Amino acid sequence: MLFDPTQLETLMVIADEGSFEAAARRLHVTPSAVSQRVRALEGSAGQVLVRRTSPAAVTEAGEPLVRLARQLRLLSAEAAAALGEGNVVDLAVAVNADSLATWFRPVLTAVAERAGTALRLHVEDQAFSHDLLRRGEVLAAVTREPAPVHGCSVEPLGALRYQAAAAPQLVDHHRRGTGPVWSSIPMVVFNEKDQLQDEVLAAHGAVRPPIVHRVPSTADFLEAVRCGLGWGMIPDLQLTPAVTAGDLVRLPGSKPVDVQLHWQRWRLESPALEALSHDVRRAATSALRAPTRT
């Protein structure tokens, strides 16, 4: 079945913008034209592709077509660039906040040195970033999921090690014997999806304490723990300097948690995507723990 590229592009822009009106502004057409294109595409597919809600959302049937639209855009931009037309190659990538704040930084430097490449980052928890791949919202993702999304390849990157840490004064205040009182010491989580702290509590037969703070920013999360707001799981790459400076201590009796990361990307013959994958691979090898072999 053949699909009209203009209609596919329109569907993709609706997915990005969340409404027919915003898509019309970006495409420089009327909302009526956007509606006509979507109806025509739905007629070709024989299924509803967009939920007319606020915000508008692509249906499960529409997700493969959004992926196709992004693939066409990437390949078209690369072909135009190869012909000297100066097109910008847009790379949409999902990466978790802790990776972005630590080992992923050299990837940004490498992309900055390549003219004509625009990196569009989606910051998502590593346990959920593969959903963005499945929905066609990104070309590649740093994810915990080792099973490839349909149409994608996957390779292990290594482990990002986290350790339970807190400000020394907070540990002293909630100490019983040689370890903390897990049931009472305040805790900091990144957001509702963050369950690393819960893994540590479960290992000690404890549940969440009465006071749980939510700090949805990697830099501010570290500062919140450093200020004594509560204990949290800190990546080793951030924790080691803070321990050396005396700002944080590792919580006695807690074991580190290694989060195995993988790189999933679309199976496309794309020079830009291959170059990005090389950058990610090199950065991970330099900073992450070796992947666990199963």
C-alpha atoms as a PDB file:
ATOM      1  CA  MET A   1       0.000   0.000   0.000  1.00  0.00           C
ATOM      2  CA  LEU A   2       1.341   3.435  -0.973  1.00  0.00           C
ATOM      3  CA  PHE A   3       0.761   6.501   1.196  1.00  0.00           C
ATOM      4  CA  ASP A   4       0.930  10.137   0.194  1.00  0.00           C
ATOM      5  CA  PRO A   5       4.107  11.726   1.678  1.00  0.00           C
ATOM      6  CA  THR A   6       2.341  15.048   2.324  1.00  0.00           C
ATOM      7  CA  GLN A   7      -0.389  13.297   4.278  1.00  0.00           C
ATOM      8  CA  LEU A   8       2.191  11.318   6.271  1.00  0.00           C
ATOM      9  CA  GLU A   9       4.070  14.534   7.083  1.00  0.00           C
ATOM     10  CA  THR A  10       0.829  16.097   8.284  1.00  0.00           C
ATOM     11  CA  LEU A  11       0.117  13.166  10.593  1.00  0.00           C
ATOM     12  CA  MET A  12       3.625  13.416  12.041  1.00  0.00           C
ATOM     13  CA  VAL A  13       3.287  17.149  12.687  1.00  0.00           C
ATOM     14  CA  ILE A  14      -0.036  16.587  14.467  1.00  0.00           C
ATOM     15  CA  ALA A  15       1.720  14.028  16.672  1.00  0.00           C
ATOM     16  CA  ASP A  16       4.412  16.611  17.453  1.00  0.00           C
ATOM     17  CA  GLU A  17       2.175  19.642  17.938  1.00  0.00           C
ATOM     18  CA  GLY A  18      -0.883  18.074  19.596  1.00  0.00           C
ATOM     19  CA  SER A  19      -3.570  19.833  17.579  1.00  0.00           C
ATOM     20  CA  PHE A  20      -4.772  20.391  14.039  1.00  0.00           C
ATOM     21  CA  GLU A  21      -4.487  24.170  14.471  1.00  0.00           C
ATOM     22  CA  ALA A  22      -0.854  24.042  15.631  1.00  0.00           C
ATOM     23  CA  ALA A  23      -0.022  21.623  12.832  1.00  0.00           C
ATOM     24  CA  ALA A  24      -1.595  24.015  10.322  1.00  0.00           C
ATOM     25  CA  ARG A  25       0.559  26.899  11.583  1.00  0.00           C
ATOM     26  CA  ARG A  26       3.731  24.823  11.314  1.00  0.00           C
ATOM     27  CA  LEU A  27       2.843  23.567   7.833  1.00  0.00           C
ATOM     28  CA  HIS A  28       1.658  27.020   6.681  1.00  0.00           C
ATOM     29  CA  VAL A  29      -1.751  25.716   5.586  1.00  0.00           C
ATOM     30  CA  THR A  30      -5.278  26.079   6.943  1.00  0.00           C
ATOM     31  CA  PRO A  31      -6.723  23.777   9.645  1.00  0.00           C
ATOM     32  CA  SER A  32      -9.238  22.678   7.031  1.00  0.00           C
ATOM     33  CA  ALA A  33      -6.403  21.488   4.788  1.00  0.00           C
ATOM     34  CA  VAL A  34      -4.917  19.542   7.688  1.00  0.00           C
ATOM     35  CA  SER A  35      -8.266  17.881   8.348  1.00  0.00           C
ATOM     36  CA  GLN A  36      -8.665  16.975   4.672  1.00  0.00           C
ATOM     37  CA  ARG A  37      -5.210  15.400   4.556  1.00  0.00           C
ATOM     38  CA  VAL A  38      -5.884  13.341   7.686  1.00  0.00           C
ATOM     39  CA  ARG A  39      -9.254  12.159   6.390  1.00  0.00           C
ATOM     40  CA  ALA A  40      -7.658  11.160   3.095  1.00  0.00           C
ATOM     41  CA  LEU A  41      -4.898   9.253   4.896  1.00  0.00           C
ATOM     42  CA  GLU A  42      -7.445   7.531   7.124  1.00  0.00           C
ATOM     43  CA  GLY A  43      -9.378   6.592   3.989  1.00  0.00           C
ATOM     44  CA  SER A  44      -6.241   5.006   2.525  1.00  0.00           C
ATOM     45  CA  ALA A  45      -5.461   3.159   5.745  1.00  0.00           C
ATOM     46  CA  GLY A  46      -9.068   2.192   6.399  1.00  0.00           C
ATOM     47  CA  GLN A  47      -8.699   3.087  10.081  1.00  0.00           C
ATOM     48  CA  VAL A  48      -8.919   6.059  12.437  1.00  0.00           C
ATOM     49  CA  LEU A  49      -5.405   7.451  12.828  1.00  0.00           C
ATOM     50  CA  VAL A  50      -5.973  10.480  15.069  1.00  0.00           C
ATOM     51  CA  ARG A  51      -8.101  10.879  18.194  1.00  0.00           C
ATOM     52  CA  ARG A  52      -9.846  14.247  17.929  1.00  0.00           C
ATOM     53  CA  THR A  53      -9.165  15.071  21.582  1.00  0.00           C
ATOM     54  CA  SER A  54      -7.348  17.894  23.318  1.00  0.00           C
ATOM     55  CA  PRO A  55      -4.500  17.363  22.792  1.00  0.00           C
ATOM     56  CA  ALA A  56      -4.960  15.362  19.611  1.00  0.00           C
ATOM     57  CA  ALA A  57      -3.314  11.948  19.808  1.00  0.00           C
ATOM     58  CA  VAL A  58      -2.255   9.418  17.216  1.00  0.00           C
ATOM     59  CA  THR A  59      -4.007   6.067  17.592  1.00  0.00           C
ATOM     60  CA  GLU A  60      -2.210   2.738  17.743  1.00  0.00           C
ATOM     61  CA  ALA A  61      -3.054   2.238  14.070  1.00  0.00           C
ATOM     62  CA  GLY A  62      -1.428   5.581  13.276  1.00  0.00           C
ATOM     63  CA  GLU A  63       1.869   4.883  15.062  1.00  0.00           C
ATOM     64  CA  PRO A  64       3.436   2.873  12.191  1.00  0.00           C
ATOM     65  CA  LEU A  65       2.599   5.715   9.812  1.00  0.00           C
ATOM     66  CA  VAL A  66       4.247   8.279  12.108  1.00  0.00           C
ATOM     67  CA  ARG A  67       7.359   6.088  12.127  1.00  0.00           C
ATOM     68  CA  LEU A  68       7.225   5.896   8.329  1.00  0.00           C
ATOM     69  CA  ALA A  69       6.878   9.681   8.088  1.00  0.00           C
ATOM     70  CA  ARG A  70       9.958  10.243  10.267  1.00  0.00           C
ATOM     71  CA  GLN A  71      11.953   7.713   8.286  1.00  0.00           C
ATOM     72  CA  LEU A  72      11.007   9.427   5.025  1.00  0.00           C
ATOM     73  CA  ARG A  73      11.956  12.827   6.445  1.00  0.00           C
ATOM     74  CA  LEU A  74      15.346  11.576   7.653  1.00  0.00           C
ATOM     75  CA  LEU A  75      16.230   9.813   4.395  1.00  0.00           C
ATOM     76  CA  SER A  76      14.994  12.738   2.281  1.00  0.00           C
ATOM     77  CA  ALA A  77      17.039  15.238   4.290  1.00  0.00           C
ATOM     78  CA  GLU A  78      20.163  13.091   3.980  1.00  0.00           C
ATOM     79  CA  ALA A  79      19.659  12.685   0.238  1.00  0.00           C
ATOM     80  CA  ALA A  80      19.208  16.444  -0.177  1.00  0.00           C
ATOM     81  CA  ALA A  81      22.307  17.134   1.910  1.00  0.00           C
ATOM     82  CA  ALA A  82      24.298  14.704  -0.227  1.00  0.00           C
ATOM     83  CA  LEU A  83      23.205  16.677  -3.308  1.00  0.00           C
ATOM     84  CA  GLY A  84      24.498  19.868  -1.745  1.00  0.00           C
ATOM     85  CA  GLU A  85      21.134  21.426  -0.957  1.00  0.00           C
ATOM     86  CA  GLY A  86      22.087  22.118   2.664  1.00  0.00           C
ATOM     87  CA  ASN A  87      19.103  20.436   4.297  1.00  0.00           C
ATOM     88  CA  VAL A  88      19.163  19.965   8.066  1.00  0.00           C
ATOM     89  CA  VAL A  89      19.040  16.348   9.257  1.00  0.00           C
ATOM     90  CA  ASP A  90      16.795  16.153  12.325  1.00  0.00           C
ATOM     91  CA  LEU A  91      17.585  13.400  14.858  1.00  0.00           C
ATOM     92  CA  ALA A  92      14.968  12.780  17.550  1.00  0.00           C
ATOM     93  CA  VAL A  93      16.415  10.791  20.456  1.00  0.00           C
ATOM     94  CA  ALA A  94      15.121   9.695  23.854  1.00  0.00           C
ATOM     95  CA  VAL A  95      17.548   9.722  26.765  1.00  0.00           C
ATOM     96  CA  ASN A  96      17.032   9.600  30.519  1.00  0.00           C
ATOM     97  CA  ALA A  97      17.897  12.660  32.576  1.00  0.00           C
ATOM     98  CA  ASP A  98      20.732  11.044  34.562  1.00  0.00           C
ATOM     99  CA  SER A  99      22.477   9.893  31.386  1.00  0.00           C
ATOM    100  CA  LEU A 100      22.050  13.318  29.820  1.00  0.00           C
ATOM    101  CA  ALA A 101      23.639  14.919  32.886  1.00  0.00           C
ATOM    102  CA  THR A 102      26.613  12.538  32.963  1.00  0.00           C
ATOM    103  CA  TRP A 103      28.013  10.115  30.374  1.00  0.00           C
ATOM    104  CA  PHE A 104      25.917  11.365  27.390  1.00  0.00           C
ATOM    105  CA  ARG A 105      27.540  14.825  27.380  1.00  0.00           C
ATOM    106  CA  PRO A 106      30.335  13.883  24.899  1.00  0.00           C
ATOM    107  CA  VAL A 107      27.617  12.901  22.408  1.00  0.00           C
ATOM    108  CA  LEU A 108      26.406  16.504  22.425  1.00  0.00           C
ATOM    109  CA  THR A 109      29.938  17.703  21.724  1.00  0.00           C
ATOM    110  CA  ALA A 110      30.306  15.303  18.812  1.00  0.00           C
ATOM    111  CA  VAL A 111      26.979  16.345  17.253  1.00  0.00           C
ATOM    112  CA  ALA A 112      27.907  20.003  17.643  1.00  0.00           C
ATOM    113  CA  GLU A 113      30.918  19.408  15.401  1.00  0.00           C
ATOM    114  CA  ARG A 114      28.779  18.077  12.530  1.00  0.00           C
ATOM    115  CA  ALA A 115      27.238  20.808  10.420  1.00  0.00           C
ATOM    116  CA  GLY A 116      23.667  20.330   9.297  1.00  0.00           C
ATOM    117  CA  THR A 117      22.571  18.034  12.127  1.00  0.00           C
ATOM    118  CA  ALA A 118      19.865  19.036  14.613  1.00  0.00           C
ATOM    119  CA  LEU A 119      19.475  16.945  17.765  1.00  0.00           C
ATOM    120  CA  ARG A 120      15.988  16.889  19.294  1.00  0.00           C
ATOM    121  CA  LEU A 121      16.118  15.268  22.711  1.00  0.00           C
ATOM    122  CA  HIS A 122      13.173  13.727  24.553  1.00  0.00           C
ATOM    123  CA  VAL A 123      14.030  13.337  28.235  1.00  0.00           C
ATOM    124  CA  GLU A 124      12.293  10.201  29.474  1.00  0.00           C
ATOM    125  CA  ASP A 125      12.914   7.595  32.141  1.00  0.00           C
ATOM    126  CA  GLN A 126      15.058   4.765  30.778  1.00  0.00           C
ATOM    127  CA  ALA A 127      12.324   2.266  31.664  1.00  0.00           C
ATOM    128  CA  PHE A 128       9.817   4.026  29.397  1.00  0.00           C
ATOM    129  CA  SER A 129      11.850   5.510  26.545  1.00  0.00           C
ATOM    130  CA  HIS A 130      11.239   2.485  24.289  1.00  0.00           C
ATOM    131  CA  ASP A 131       7.570   3.543  24.197  1.00  0.00           C
ATOM    132  CA  LEU A 132       8.659   6.649  22.290  1.00  0.00           C
ATOM    133  CA  LEU A 133      10.344   4.390  19.737  1.00  0.00           C
ATOM    134  CA  ARG A 134       7.239   2.254  19.409  1.00  0.00           C
ATOM    135  CA  ARG A 135       5.062   5.322  18.836  1.00  0.00           C
ATOM    136  CA  GLY A 136       7.465   6.656  16.221  1.00  0.00           C
ATOM    137  CA  GLU A 137       8.315   9.805  18.183  1.00  0.00           C
ATOM    138  CA  VAL A 138      12.080   9.176  18.186  1.00  0.00           C
ATOM    139  CA  LEU A 139      14.661   7.540  15.925  1.00  0.00           C
ATOM    140  CA  ALA A 140      16.690   6.060  18.762  1.00  0.00           C
ATOM    141  CA  ALA A 141      16.631   5.759  22.524  1.00  0.00           C
ATOM    142  CA  VAL A 142      18.705   4.975  25.583  1.00  0.00           C
ATOM    143  CA  THR A 143      16.551   2.408  27.324  1.00  0.00           C
ATOM    144  CA  ARG A 144      16.540  -0.379  29.904  1.00  0.00           C
ATOM    145  CA  GLU A 145      14.586  -2.596  27.498  1.00  0.00           C
ATOM    146  CA  PRO A 146      16.816  -5.311  25.957  1.00  0.00           C
ATOM    147  CA  ALA A 147      14.132  -6.645  23.596  1.00  0.00           C
ATOM    148  CA  PRO A 148      14.063  -4.628  20.363  1.00  0.00           C
ATOM    149  CA  VAL A 149      11.005  -2.655  19.385  1.00  0.00           C
ATOM    150  CA  HIS A 150       9.647  -3.861  16.045  1.00  0.00           C
ATOM    151  CA  GLY A 151      11.811  -2.433  13.268  1.00  0.00           C
ATOM    152  CA  CYS A 152      14.696  -1.561  15.603  1.00  0.00           C
ATOM    153  CA  SER A 153      18.095  -2.987  16.449  1.00  0.00           C
ATOM    154  CA  VAL A 154      19.435  -3.037  20.008  1.00  0.00           C
ATOM    155  CA  GLU A 155      22.872  -3.208  21.584  1.00  0.00           C
ATOM    156  CA  PRO A 156      24.002  -3.132  25.237  1.00  0.00           C
ATOM    157  CA  LEU A 157      25.753   0.052  26.322  1.00  0.00           C
ATOM    158  CA  GLY A 158      26.750  -0.777  29.884  1.00  0.00           C
ATOM    159  CA  ALA A 159      25.524  -0.167  33.403  1.00  0.00           C
ATOM    160  CA  LEU A 160      24.927   3.155  35.115  1.00  0.00           C
ATOM    161  CA  ARG A 161      25.591   2.468  38.791  1.00  0.00           C
ATOM    162  CA  TYR A 162      23.494   4.196  41.458  1.00  0.00           C
ATOM    163  CA  GLN A 163      24.126   4.282  45.191  1.00  0.00           C
ATOM    164  CA  ALA A 164      22.010   5.394  48.113  1.00  0.00           C
ATOM    165  CA  ALA A 165      23.447   8.587  49.543  1.00  0.00           C
ATOM    166  CA  ALA A 166      22.539  11.436  51.847  1.00  0.00           C
ATOM    167  CA  ALA A 167      23.996  14.451  53.598  1.00  0.00           C
ATOM    168  CA  PRO A 168      26.081  13.391  56.639  1.00  0.00           C
ATOM    169  CA  GLN A 169      23.893  15.322  59.089  1.00  0.00           C
ATOM    170  CA  LEU A 170      20.727  13.601  57.837  1.00  0.00           C
ATOM    171  CA  VAL A 171      22.269  10.158  58.295  1.00  0.00           C
ATOM    172  CA  ASP A 172      23.436  11.035  61.825  1.00  0.00           C
ATOM    173  CA  HIS A 173      19.938  12.236  62.744  1.00  0.00           C
ATOM    174  CA  HIS A 174      18.264   9.033  61.554  1.00  0.00           C
ATOM    175  CA  ARG A 175      20.904   6.508  62.580  1.00  0.00           C
ATOM    176  CA  ARG A 176      20.197   3.412  64.609  1.00  0.00           C
ATOM    177  CA  GLY A 177      23.346   1.482  65.369  1.00  0.00           C
ATOM    178  CA  THR A 178      25.469   1.428  62.227  1.00  0.00           C
ATOM    179  CA  GLY A 179      22.712   2.069  59.701  1.00  0.00           C
ATOM    180  CA  PRO A 180      19.847   4.453  58.968  1.00  0.00           C
ATOM    181  CA  VAL A 181      16.255   3.947  60.065  1.00  0.00           C
ATOM    182  CA  TRP A 182      14.799   3.282  56.638  1.00  0.00           C
ATOM    183  CA  SER A 183      11.219   3.702  57.782  1.00  0.00           C
ATOM    184  CA  SER A 184      11.721   7.291  58.929  1.00  0.00           C
ATOM    185  CA  ILE A 185      14.580   8.899  57.028  1.00  0.00           C
ATOM    186  CA  PRO A 186      13.101  11.290  54.415  1.00  0.00           C
ATOM    187  CA  MET A 187      13.511  10.293  50.790  1.00  0.00           C
ATOM    188  CA  VAL A 188      13.834  12.130  47.472  1.00  0.00           C
ATOM    189  CA  VAL A 189      12.453  10.765  44.187  1.00  0.00           C
ATOM    190  CA  PHE A 190      12.834  12.192  40.702  1.00  0.00           C
ATOM    191  CA  ASN A 191       9.202  11.700  39.644  1.00  0.00           C
ATOM    192  CA  GLU A 192       6.358   9.195  39.851  1.00  0.00           C
ATOM    193  CA  LYS A 193       8.222   6.758  37.587  1.00  0.00           C
ATOM    194  CA  ASP A 194      11.345   6.708  39.760  1.00  0.00           C
ATOM    195  CA  GLN A 195      11.461   3.417  41.651  1.00  0.00           C
ATOM    196  CA  LEU A 196      15.196   3.052  42.306  1.00  0.00           C
ATOM    197  CA  GLN A 197      14.773   4.126  45.914  1.00  0.00           C
ATOM    198  CA  ASP A 198      11.962   1.592  46.328  1.00  0.00           C
ATOM    199  CA  GLU A 199      14.319  -1.209  45.244  1.00  0.00           C
ATOM    200  CA  VAL A 200      16.663  -0.309  48.091  1.00  0.00           C
ATOM    201  CA  LEU A 201      13.802  -0.094  50.604  1.00  0.00           C
ATOM    202  CA  ALA A 202      12.501  -3.497  49.518  1.00  0.00           C
ATOM    203  CA  ALA A 203      15.955  -5.009  50.058  1.00  0.00           C
ATOM    204  CA  HIS A 204      15.753  -3.802  53.672  1.00  0.00           C
ATOM    205  CA  GLY A 205      12.164  -4.953  54.165  1.00  0.00           C
ATOM    206  CA  ALA A 206      10.955  -1.366  54.386  1.00  0.00           C
ATOM    207  CA  VAL A 207       8.350   0.763  52.641  1.00  0.00           C
ATOM    208  CA  ARG A 208       8.402   4.446  51.787  1.00  0.00           C
ATOM    209  CA  PRO A 209       8.801   6.784  54.766  1.00  0.00           C
ATOM    210  CA  PRO A 210       6.142   9.394  55.612  1.00  0.00           C
ATOM    211  CA  ILE A 211       8.164  12.166  53.960  1.00  0.00           C
ATOM    212  CA  VAL A 212       8.922  11.709  50.247  1.00  0.00           C
ATOM    213  CA  HIS A 213      10.100  14.734  48.260  1.00  0.00           C
ATOM    214  CA  ARG A 214       9.743  14.991  44.481  1.00  0.00           C
ATOM    215  CA  VAL A 215      12.487  16.870  42.607  1.00  0.00           C
ATOM    216  CA  PRO A 216      12.178  16.337  38.809  1.00  0.00           C
ATOM    217  CA  SER A 217      15.551  17.719  37.740  1.00  0.00           C
ATOM    218  CA  THR A 218      18.841  15.820  37.842  1.00  0.00           C
ATOM    219  CA  ALA A 219      20.961  18.770  38.972  1.00  0.00           C
ATOM    220  CA  ASP A 220      18.382  19.884  41.527  1.00  0.00           C
ATOM    221  CA  PHE A 221      17.879  16.294  42.693  1.00  0.00           C
ATOM    222  CA  LEU A 222      21.571  16.106  43.554  1.00  0.00           C
ATOM    223  CA  GLU A 223      21.431  19.478  45.294  1.00  0.00           C
ATOM    224  CA  ALA A 224      18.321  18.484  47.256  1.00  0.00           C
ATOM    225  CA  VAL A 225      20.112  15.421  48.606  1.00  0.00           C
ATOM    226  CA  ARG A 226      23.238  17.483  49.250  1.00  0.00           C
ATOM    227  CA  CYS A 227      21.168  20.009  51.236  1.00  0.00           C
ATOM    228  CA  GLY A 228      19.776  17.283  53.501  1.00  0.00           C
ATOM    229  CA  LEU A 229      16.229  17.206  52.129  1.00  0.00           C
ATOM    230  CA  GLY A 230      16.338  13.411  52.019  1.00  0.00           C
ATOM    231  CA  TRP A 231      18.305  10.438  50.777  1.00  0.00           C
ATOM    232  CA  GLY A 232      18.289   9.393  47.142  1.00  0.00           C
ATOM    233  CA  MET A 233      19.890   7.182  44.534  1.00  0.00           C
ATOM    234  CA  ILE A 234      22.765   9.090  42.947  1.00  0.00           C
ATOM    235  CA  PRO A 235      24.739   7.974  39.871  1.00  0.00           C
ATOM    236  CA  ASP A 236      28.312   7.085  40.774  1.00  0.00           C
ATOM    237  CA  LEU A 237      29.519   9.573  38.183  1.00  0.00           C
ATOM    238  CA  GLN A 238      27.989  12.362  40.306  1.00  0.00           C
ATOM    239  CA  LEU A 239      28.372  10.764  43.722  1.00  0.00           C
ATOM    240  CA  THR A 240      32.128  10.173  43.808  1.00  0.00           C
ATOM    241  CA  PRO A 241      33.073  13.886  43.651  1.00  0.00           C
ATOM    242  CA  ALA A 242      30.408  14.758  46.258  1.00  0.00           C
ATOM    243  CA  VAL A 243      31.696  12.078  48.655  1.00  0.00           C
ATOM    244  CA  THR A 244      35.285  13.233  48.133  1.00  0.00           C
ATOM    245  CA  ALA A 245      34.202  16.786  48.982  1.00  0.00           C
ATOM    246  CA  GLY A 246      32.443  15.569  52.142  1.00  0.00           C
ATOM    247  CA  ASP A 247      29.030  16.757  50.958  1.00  0.00           C
ATOM    248  CA  LEU A 248      27.469  13.284  50.796  1.00  0.00           C
ATOM    249  CA  VAL A 249      27.966   9.858  52.327  1.00  0.00           C
ATOM    250  CA  ARG A 250      26.889   6.458  51.068  1.00  0.00           C
ATOM    251  CA  LEU A 251      24.179   5.001  53.265  1.00  0.00           C
ATOM    252  CA  PRO A 252      25.631   2.166  55.367  1.00  0.00           C
ATOM    253  CA  GLY A 253      24.323  -1.287  54.543  1.00  0.00           C
ATOM    254  CA  SER A 254      22.903  -0.381  51.123  1.00  0.00           C
ATOM    255  CA  LYS A 255      24.082  -2.109  47.981  1.00  0.00           C
ATOM    256  CA  PRO A 256      24.583  -0.320  44.669  1.00  0.00           C
ATOM    257  CA  VAL A 257      21.993  -0.728  41.929  1.00  0.00           C
ATOM    258  CA  ASP A 258      23.280  -1.197  38.398  1.00  0.00           C
ATOM    259  CA  VAL A 259      20.872  -0.063  35.687  1.00  0.00           C
ATOM    260  CA  GLN A 260      21.679  -1.837  32.442  1.00  0.00           C
ATOM    261  CA  LEU A 261      21.293   0.540  29.507  1.00  0.00           C
ATOM    262  CA  HIS A 262      20.744  -0.301  25.856  1.00  0.00           C
ATOM    263  CA  TRP A 263      20.780   1.667  22.616  1.00  0.00           C
ATOM    264  CA  GLN A 264      17.802   1.016  20.399  1.00  0.00           C
ATOM    265  CA  ARG A 265      17.626   2.580  16.951  1.00  0.00           C
ATOM    266  CA  TRP A 266      15.642   2.166  13.787  1.00  0.00           C
ATOM    267  CA  ARG A 267      17.099  -0.261  11.256  1.00  0.00           C
ATOM    268  CA  LEU A 268      17.796   2.308   8.556  1.00  0.00           C
ATOM    269  CA  GLU A 269      20.728   2.852   6.230  1.00  0.00           C
ATOM    270  CA  SER A 270      21.271   6.351   7.568  1.00  0.00           C
ATOM    271  CA  PRO A 271      24.746   7.945   7.798  1.00  0.00           C
ATOM    272  CA  ALA A 272      23.505  10.463  10.387  1.00  0.00           C
ATOM    273  CA  LEU A 273      21.960   7.793  12.592  1.00  0.00           C
ATOM    274  CA  GLU A 274      25.051   5.585  12.270  1.00  0.00           C
ATOM    275  CA  ALA A 275      27.316   8.491  13.234  1.00  0.00           C
ATOM    276  CA  LEU A 276      25.141   9.224  16.264  1.00  0.00           C
ATOM    277  CA  SER A 277      25.216   5.553  17.273  1.00  0.00           C
ATOM    278  CA  HIS A 278      29.008   5.604  17.057  1.00  0.00           C
ATOM    279  CA  ASP A 279      29.115   8.659  19.325  1.00  0.00           C
ATOM    280  CA  VAL A 280      26.813   7.006  21.871  1.00  0.00           C
ATOM    281  CA  ARG A 281      28.799   3.774  21.801  1.00  0.00           C
ATOM    282  CA  ARG A 282      32.071   5.608  22.375  1.00  0.00           C
ATOM    283  CA  ALA A 283      30.697   7.726  25.232  1.00  0.00           C
ATOM    284  CA  ALA A 284      29.175   4.695  26.948  1.00  0.00           C
ATOM    285  CA  THR A 285      32.396   2.691  26.683  1.00  0.00           C
ATOM    286  CA  SER A 286      34.310   5.536  28.325  1.00  0.00           C
ATOM    287  CA  ALA A 287      31.981   6.098  31.285  1.00  0.00           C
ATOM    288  CA  LEU A 288      29.654   3.157  31.972  1.00  0.00           C
ATOM    289  CA  ARG A 289      30.384  -0.149  33.643  1.00  0.00           C
ATOM    290  CA  ALA A 290      30.811  -3.074  31.275  1.00  0.00           C
ATOM    291  CA  PRO A 291      27.492  -4.623  30.161  1.00  0.00           C
ATOM    292  CA  THR A 292      26.306  -7.683  32.055  1.00  0.00           C
ATOM    293  CA  ARG A 293      26.545 -10.759  29.853  1.00  0.00           C
ATOM    294  CA  THR A 294      23.538 -13.056  29.952  1.00  0.00           C
END
